[in-house]
Amino acid sequence: MTERCFSIARVEFGWNSPATNWELRRTEVGKDMNKQEAPLALSDLISRHSTRLTDADTRLLDVLIQDPIRAALDNGKDISSRAGVHPASAVRLARRLGFKGYPEFRAFLQSSLTEGGNDFESPAARMAARLVRAEGDGLLASVLDSEIAALQQARNSVSDADIRAFSERLRDSRKIFVFGRGHFASLCSLIALRLNRSGYEATDLGSQIHQLPELLSGLSSEDVVWLLAFRRAPSLLQEVRDVAARCGAKTLTITDVGGIRIDPPPDHQILVSRGKPGESQSLVVPMTIANAVILDLASIDNGRSINALSKFRSFRAASRLTTG
């Protein structure tokens, strides 16, 4: 039972360090348990108290591990009911694992989610952490607090010089290709739209994914490729970077402070956090950075952006191409 729980906890919960650190941590716990006053992870607790666990405990742990959202939110009675054991079994499990009662054990599970040092690979775990944080002050207040904190961190970590490095590359480019996957597809579309209206030839590669060979075959050293990626760099994004490198095109990237590896390194990179684990992973932060770049571009391109926007507005007003 214990080894099975180790395996599931490592894969499903995200409540411990990566596998490369697991054996070392387990050995340290075994050598000197008295020095480890604070449990490192749920799997550490299982290892530490494995000889005391009962069949009912096994069933409870299966329920906890297999559904991380409810594990962090449900009370002991609900967990016991789902496991098909006596209502007091969850309390007994918590005490065998070293807690005073189930509320303290539940607080540990919640803290493991919200205070973890690494971002969560599981979307369910990330949502669970956000719901846990929202319990005290309310959902909207929690989201707003996360957004404000992430924006403040961006203010402290991104300089005007970082923004200017991006805008100068865009100003001097022949064409601009913007690319991002997942949630960033919509932001890339917005960036390309705004650049086009500002008089720059910009293409959102993500909206024409099946035509990437045609779109990138004419890439040159006069062009710019603008990439957005957080948590991990999709393989397709890395391939676009490789094409840009071979063609000599300049590459700009906005990524998170986790240090996503893009090889070869981009010409200019802005590292910015979208929020801590358990907080709202804000799209507002990269959107704000993009807005700042486009605004700065307008300040250094000798009226190109302003004139193009004015011309576009007049054209849209005079044409019948708008809907609605």
Protein backbone atom coordinates (compact mmCIF):
# COMPACT_ATOMS: atom_id res chain seq x y z
CA MET A 1 0.00 0.00 0.00
CA THR A 2 2.74 2.43 1.00
CA GLU A 3 4.69 2.16 -2.26
CA ARG A 4 1.46 2.53 -4.25
CA CYS A 5 0.68 5.74 -2.40
CA PHE A 6 4.22 6.99 -3.04
CA SER A 7 3.70 6.46 -6.75
CA ILE A 8 0.30 8.10 -6.95
CA ALA A 9 1.31 11.03 -4.78
CA ARG A 10 4.31 11.79 -6.94
CA VAL A 11 2.29 11.71 -10.18
CA GLU A 12 -1.10 13.12 -9.23
CA PHE A 13 -0.73 15.46 -6.30
CA GLY A 14 2.29 17.66 -6.85
CA TRP A 15 2.76 17.59 -3.08
CA ASN A 16 6.44 16.75 -3.14
CA SER A 17 9.65 17.61 -4.93
CA PRO A 18 10.48 16.25 -8.39
CA ALA A 19 11.43 12.59 -8.58
CA THR A 20 15.12 13.45 -8.76
CA ASN A 21 14.98 14.68 -5.15
CA TRP A 22 12.60 12.04 -3.85
CA GLU A 23 15.04 9.29 -2.85
CA LEU A 24 17.36 11.75 -1.13
CA ARG A 25 14.51 13.25 0.88
CA ARG A 26 13.15 9.84 1.81
CA THR A 27 16.60 8.77 3.04
CA GLU A 28 16.98 11.91 5.12
CA VAL A 29 13.62 11.34 6.76
CA GLY A 30 14.56 7.77 7.59
CA LYS A 31 17.95 8.74 9.05
CA ASP A 32 16.78 11.43 11.38
CA MET A 33 13.03 11.76 11.76
CA ASN A 34 13.34 13.81 14.92
CA LYS A 35 15.07 16.62 13.04
CA GLN A 36 12.20 16.90 10.56
CA GLU A 37 9.63 18.67 12.68
CA ALA A 38 7.65 19.89 9.68
CA PRO A 39 6.48 17.21 7.20
CA LEU A 40 7.98 17.67 3.76
CA ALA A 41 5.16 16.14 1.75
CA LEU A 42 2.19 13.80 2.00
CA SER A 43 4.34 10.95 0.68
CA ASP A 44 6.90 11.66 3.43
CA LEU A 45 4.16 11.33 6.02
CA ILE A 46 3.07 8.00 4.55
CA SER A 47 6.67 6.76 4.66
CA ARG A 48 7.20 7.99 8.20
CA HIS A 49 4.10 6.31 9.63
CA SER A 50 3.58 3.40 7.23
CA THR A 51 3.75 0.69 9.90
CA ARG A 52 0.81 2.27 11.75
CA LEU A 53 -1.57 2.61 8.81
CA THR A 54 -4.66 0.41 8.61
CA ASP A 55 -6.83 -0.80 5.74
CA ALA A 56 -9.24 2.07 6.44
CA ASP A 57 -6.30 4.49 6.23
CA THR A 58 -5.36 3.00 2.86
CA ARG A 59 -8.85 3.61 1.51
CA LEU A 60 -8.83 7.18 2.83
CA LEU A 61 -5.43 7.92 1.30
CA ASP A 62 -6.59 6.54 -2.04
CA VAL A 63 -9.53 8.98 -1.97
CA LEU A 64 -7.31 11.91 -0.94
CA ILE A 65 -4.66 11.28 -3.57
CA GLN A 66 -6.97 10.58 -6.48
CA ASP A 67 -8.99 13.81 -6.14
CA PRO A 68 -6.72 16.71 -5.11
CA ILE A 69 -9.42 19.39 -5.32
CA ARG A 70 -11.82 17.69 -2.92
CA ALA A 71 -8.96 16.52 -0.72
CA ALA A 72 -8.04 20.13 0.00
CA LEU A 73 -11.63 21.31 0.45
CA ASP A 74 -13.70 18.51 2.03
CA ASN A 75 -14.00 17.87 5.77
CA GLY A 76 -13.11 14.59 7.47
CA LYS A 77 -16.67 13.29 7.54
CA ASP A 78 -17.09 13.79 3.79
CA ILE A 79 -13.75 12.12 3.04
CA SER A 80 -14.69 9.14 5.24
CA SER A 81 -18.04 8.82 3.49
CA ARG A 82 -16.42 8.77 0.07
CA ALA A 83 -13.93 6.14 1.23
CA GLY A 84 -16.72 3.99 2.69
CA VAL A 85 -15.27 3.93 6.21
CA HIS A 86 -16.44 5.04 9.66
CA PRO A 87 -16.95 8.83 9.98
CA ALA A 88 -14.23 9.00 12.63
CA SER A 89 -11.67 7.22 10.44
CA ALA A 90 -10.38 10.44 8.87
CA VAL A 91 -9.67 11.86 12.32
CA ARG A 92 -7.81 8.70 13.30
CA LEU A 93 -5.76 8.82 10.09
CA ALA A 94 -4.81 12.45 10.76
CA ARG A 95 -3.62 11.55 14.27
CA ARG A 96 -1.59 8.58 13.00
CA LEU A 97 0.14 10.96 10.59
CA GLY A 98 1.08 13.26 13.47
CA PHE A 99 -1.69 15.86 13.47
CA LYS A 100 -3.94 16.86 16.36
CA GLY A 101 -7.05 16.26 14.27
CA TYR A 102 -8.42 16.33 10.75
CA PRO A 103 -8.70 20.15 10.51
CA GLU A 104 -4.95 20.42 11.07
CA PHE A 105 -4.28 17.68 8.49
CA ARG A 106 -6.58 19.45 6.01
CA ALA A 107 -4.70 22.70 6.62
CA PHE A 108 -1.47 20.85 5.80
CA LEU A 109 -2.94 19.62 2.51
CA GLN A 110 -4.08 23.12 1.66
CA SER A 111 -0.70 24.62 2.55
CA SER A 112 1.07 22.00 0.45
CA LEU A 113 -0.95 23.17 -2.53
CA THR A 114 -0.79 26.91 -2.01
CA GLU A 115 2.78 27.27 -0.74
CA GLY A 116 4.56 24.82 -3.02
CA GLY A 117 7.77 26.10 -4.57
CA ASN A 118 6.96 24.88 -8.09
CA ASP A 119 4.05 25.60 -10.36
CA PHE A 120 1.52 22.78 -10.56
CA GLU A 121 1.59 20.54 -13.60
CA SER A 122 -1.94 19.30 -12.84
CA PRO A 123 -4.72 21.79 -13.75
CA ALA A 124 -6.88 20.21 -11.04
CA ALA A 125 -4.22 20.90 -8.41
CA ARG A 126 -3.83 24.49 -9.58
CA MET A 127 -7.58 25.08 -9.35
CA ALA A 128 -7.71 23.45 -5.92
CA ALA A 129 -5.02 25.80 -4.67
CA ARG A 130 -6.91 28.84 -5.95
CA LEU A 131 -10.15 27.71 -4.36
CA VAL A 132 -8.34 27.17 -1.05
CA ARG A 133 -6.91 30.69 -1.15
CA ALA A 134 -10.35 32.10 -1.94
CA GLU A 135 -12.02 30.61 1.14
CA GLY A 136 -11.04 33.41 3.52
CA ASP A 137 -11.74 36.67 1.68
CA GLY A 138 -14.00 35.49 -1.13
CA LEU A 139 -13.34 34.43 -4.69
CA LEU A 140 -13.35 37.83 -6.42
CA ALA A 141 -11.19 39.45 -3.73
CA SER A 142 -8.72 36.57 -3.94
CA VAL A 143 -8.41 36.87 -7.73
CA LEU A 144 -8.00 40.66 -7.52
CA ASP A 145 -5.35 40.35 -4.80
CA SER A 146 -3.43 37.86 -6.95
CA GLU A 147 -3.60 40.11 -10.00
CA ILE A 148 -2.44 43.16 -8.04
CA ALA A 149 0.45 41.24 -6.46
CA ALA A 150 1.55 39.85 -9.84
CA LEU A 151 1.41 43.30 -11.44
CA GLN A 152 3.41 44.82 -8.58
CA GLN A 153 6.04 42.12 -8.98
CA ALA A 154 6.20 42.89 -12.71
CA ARG A 155 6.69 46.55 -11.89
CA ASN A 156 9.67 45.65 -9.72
CA SER A 157 11.24 43.14 -12.11
CA VAL A 158 10.73 44.64 -15.60
CA SER A 159 12.48 47.89 -16.51
CA ASP A 160 11.86 50.54 -19.14
CA ALA A 161 15.08 49.36 -20.78
CA ASP A 162 13.56 45.88 -21.19
CA ILE A 163 10.52 47.40 -22.88
CA ARG A 164 12.67 49.61 -25.10
CA ALA A 165 14.77 46.66 -26.28
CA PHE A 166 11.57 45.04 -27.58
CA SER A 167 10.10 48.16 -29.16
CA GLU A 168 13.32 49.04 -31.00
CA ARG A 169 13.49 45.58 -32.56
CA LEU A 170 9.87 45.86 -33.67
CA ARG A 171 10.38 49.35 -35.11
CA ASP A 172 13.33 48.23 -37.23
CA SER A 173 11.73 45.02 -38.50
CA ARG A 174 10.39 44.15 -41.95
CA LYS A 175 7.77 41.70 -40.67
CA ILE A 176 6.70 40.53 -37.20
CA PHE A 177 5.58 37.00 -36.40
CA VAL A 178 3.86 36.42 -33.04
CA PHE A 179 3.46 32.94 -31.59
CA GLY A 180 2.05 31.39 -28.43
CA ARG A 181 -0.03 28.34 -27.56
CA GLY A 182 -2.82 27.60 -25.11
CA HIS A 183 -4.04 30.63 -23.18
CA PHE A 184 -1.52 32.81 -25.00
CA ALA A 185 -3.08 32.23 -28.39
CA SER A 186 -5.67 34.93 -27.68
CA LEU A 187 -2.99 37.36 -26.47
CA CYS A 188 -0.91 36.74 -29.60
CA SER A 189 -3.95 37.47 -31.73
CA LEU A 190 -4.46 40.77 -29.91
CA ILE A 191 -0.79 41.73 -30.26
CA ALA A 192 -0.82 41.06 -34.01
CA LEU A 193 -4.07 43.03 -34.40
CA ARG A 194 -2.69 46.07 -32.59
CA LEU A 195 0.60 45.99 -34.49
CA ASN A 196 -1.21 45.81 -37.83
CA ARG A 197 -3.38 48.77 -36.91
CA SER A 198 -0.21 50.62 -35.93
CA GLY A 199 1.21 50.20 -39.41
CA TYR A 200 3.39 47.11 -38.92
CA GLU A 201 3.02 43.90 -40.91
CA ALA A 202 2.34 41.37 -38.15
CA THR A 203 1.19 37.73 -38.38
CA ASP A 204 -0.32 35.63 -35.62
CA LEU A 205 1.21 32.24 -36.40
CA GLY A 206 -1.07 30.40 -33.98
CA SER A 207 -4.17 31.34 -35.96
CA GLN A 208 -2.68 29.79 -39.09
CA ILE A 209 -1.00 26.77 -37.56
CA HIS A 210 -1.48 24.56 -40.62
CA GLN A 211 0.34 27.08 -42.79
CA LEU A 212 3.49 27.48 -40.71
CA PRO A 213 5.80 26.21 -43.48
CA GLU A 214 4.36 28.70 -45.96
CA LEU A 215 4.44 31.57 -43.47
CA LEU A 216 7.98 30.94 -42.24
CA SER A 217 9.61 29.91 -45.51
CA GLY A 218 10.27 33.56 -46.36
CA LEU A 219 11.61 34.51 -42.93
CA SER A 220 14.69 36.73 -43.15
CA SER A 221 17.24 38.45 -40.94
CA GLU A 222 15.13 41.62 -41.17
CA ASP A 223 12.18 39.98 -39.40
CA VAL A 224 11.23 39.55 -35.75
CA VAL A 225 9.68 36.50 -34.09
CA TRP A 226 7.89 37.32 -30.82
CA LEU A 227 7.26 34.25 -28.61
CA LEU A 228 5.15 33.91 -25.44
CA ALA A 229 5.43 30.84 -23.20
CA PHE A 230 4.83 30.12 -19.50
CA ARG A 231 5.42 26.98 -17.39
CA ARG A 232 6.79 25.08 -20.39
CA ALA A 233 7.80 25.73 -23.97
CA PRO A 234 5.73 23.65 -26.42
CA SER A 235 7.78 21.64 -28.89
CA LEU A 236 6.27 23.60 -31.76
CA LEU A 237 7.42 26.87 -30.20
CA GLN A 238 10.96 25.50 -30.00
CA GLU A 239 10.76 24.54 -33.67
CA VAL A 240 9.70 28.08 -34.60
CA ARG A 241 12.68 29.36 -32.61
CA ASP A 242 14.99 26.99 -34.51
CA VAL A 243 13.68 28.28 -37.84
CA ALA A 244 14.20 31.88 -36.72
CA ALA A 245 17.77 31.10 -35.68
CA ARG A 246 18.59 29.49 -39.01
CA CYS A 247 17.20 32.49 -40.89
CA GLY A 248 18.90 35.05 -38.67
CA ALA A 249 15.59 36.59 -37.57
CA LYS A 250 15.60 38.39 -34.23
CA THR A 251 13.67 36.63 -31.44
CA LEU A 252 11.85 38.27 -28.54
CA THR A 253 10.31 36.21 -25.74
CA ILE A 254 8.13 36.84 -22.72
CA THR A 255 8.39 33.94 -20.28
CA ASP A 256 8.05 33.27 -16.57
CA VAL A 257 10.72 33.37 -13.88
CA GLY A 258 10.77 29.58 -13.80
CA GLY A 259 13.40 29.87 -16.50
CA ILE A 260 11.83 28.12 -19.49
CA ARG A 261 14.69 26.95 -21.64
CA ILE A 262 14.59 28.13 -25.24
CA ASP A 263 17.64 27.13 -27.24
CA PRO A 264 19.33 29.05 -28.71
CA PRO A 265 18.58 31.87 -26.27
CA PRO A 266 16.40 34.69 -27.65
CA ASP A 267 17.92 38.03 -28.58
CA HIS A 268 15.82 39.75 -25.92
CA GLN A 269 13.82 38.12 -23.14
CA ILE A 270 11.51 39.50 -20.47
CA LEU A 271 11.12 37.22 -17.45
CA VAL A 272 8.01 37.93 -15.42
CA SER A 273 5.89 35.95 -12.96
CA ARG A 274 2.15 35.52 -13.52
CA GLY A 275 1.63 34.74 -9.82
CA LYS A 276 2.76 32.30 -7.17
CA PRO A 277 1.54 28.67 -7.01
CA GLY A 278 -2.02 28.72 -5.75
CA GLU A 279 -2.64 32.23 -7.04
CA SER A 280 -4.44 33.25 -10.20
CA GLN A 281 -2.01 32.67 -13.08
CA SER A 282 -2.61 36.07 -14.59
CA LEU A 283 -2.87 36.83 -18.28
CA VAL A 284 -3.02 40.47 -17.23
CA VAL A 285 0.74 40.54 -16.58
CA PRO A 286 1.98 39.49 -20.05
CA MET A 287 -0.82 41.57 -21.60
CA THR A 288 0.39 44.61 -19.65
CA ILE A 289 3.96 44.01 -20.82
CA ALA A 290 2.77 43.71 -24.43
CA ASN A 291 0.72 46.91 -24.12
CA ALA A 292 3.74 48.74 -22.72
CA VAL A 293 5.89 47.56 -25.64
CA ILE A 294 3.34 48.71 -28.24
CA LEU A 295 2.89 52.06 -26.49
CA ASP A 296 6.65 52.59 -26.30
CA LEU A 297 6.87 51.67 -29.98
CA ALA A 298 4.51 54.52 -30.78
CA SER A 299 6.79 56.90 -28.88
CA ILE A 300 9.90 56.09 -30.94
CA ASP A 301 8.68 55.45 -34.51
CA ASN A 302 8.40 59.08 -35.63
CA GLY A 303 4.61 59.10 -35.89
CA ARG A 304 4.26 55.83 -37.85
CA SER A 305 1.92 54.27 -35.29
CA ILE A 306 -0.12 57.42 -34.69
CA ASN A 307 -0.57 58.11 -38.41
CA ALA A 308 -1.50 54.50 -39.15
CA LEU A 309 -4.09 54.45 -36.36
CA SER A 310 -5.62 57.68 -37.60
CA LYS A 311 -5.74 56.38 -41.15
CA PHE A 312 -7.30 53.12 -40.01
CA ARG A 313 -9.96 54.92 -38.02
CA SER A 314 -10.93 57.04 -41.02
CA PHE A 315 -11.04 54.00 -43.29
CA ARG A 316 -13.21 52.02 -40.89
CA ALA A 317 -15.62 54.94 -40.48
CA ALA A 318 -15.97 55.41 -44.25
CA SER A 319 -16.28 51.73 -45.18
CA ARG A 320 -19.12 49.26 -44.79
CA LEU A 321 -16.84 46.46 -43.66
CA THR A 322 -17.74 46.57 -39.98
CA THR A 323 -20.33 44.20 -38.55
CA GLY A 324 -23.14 44.87 -36.13
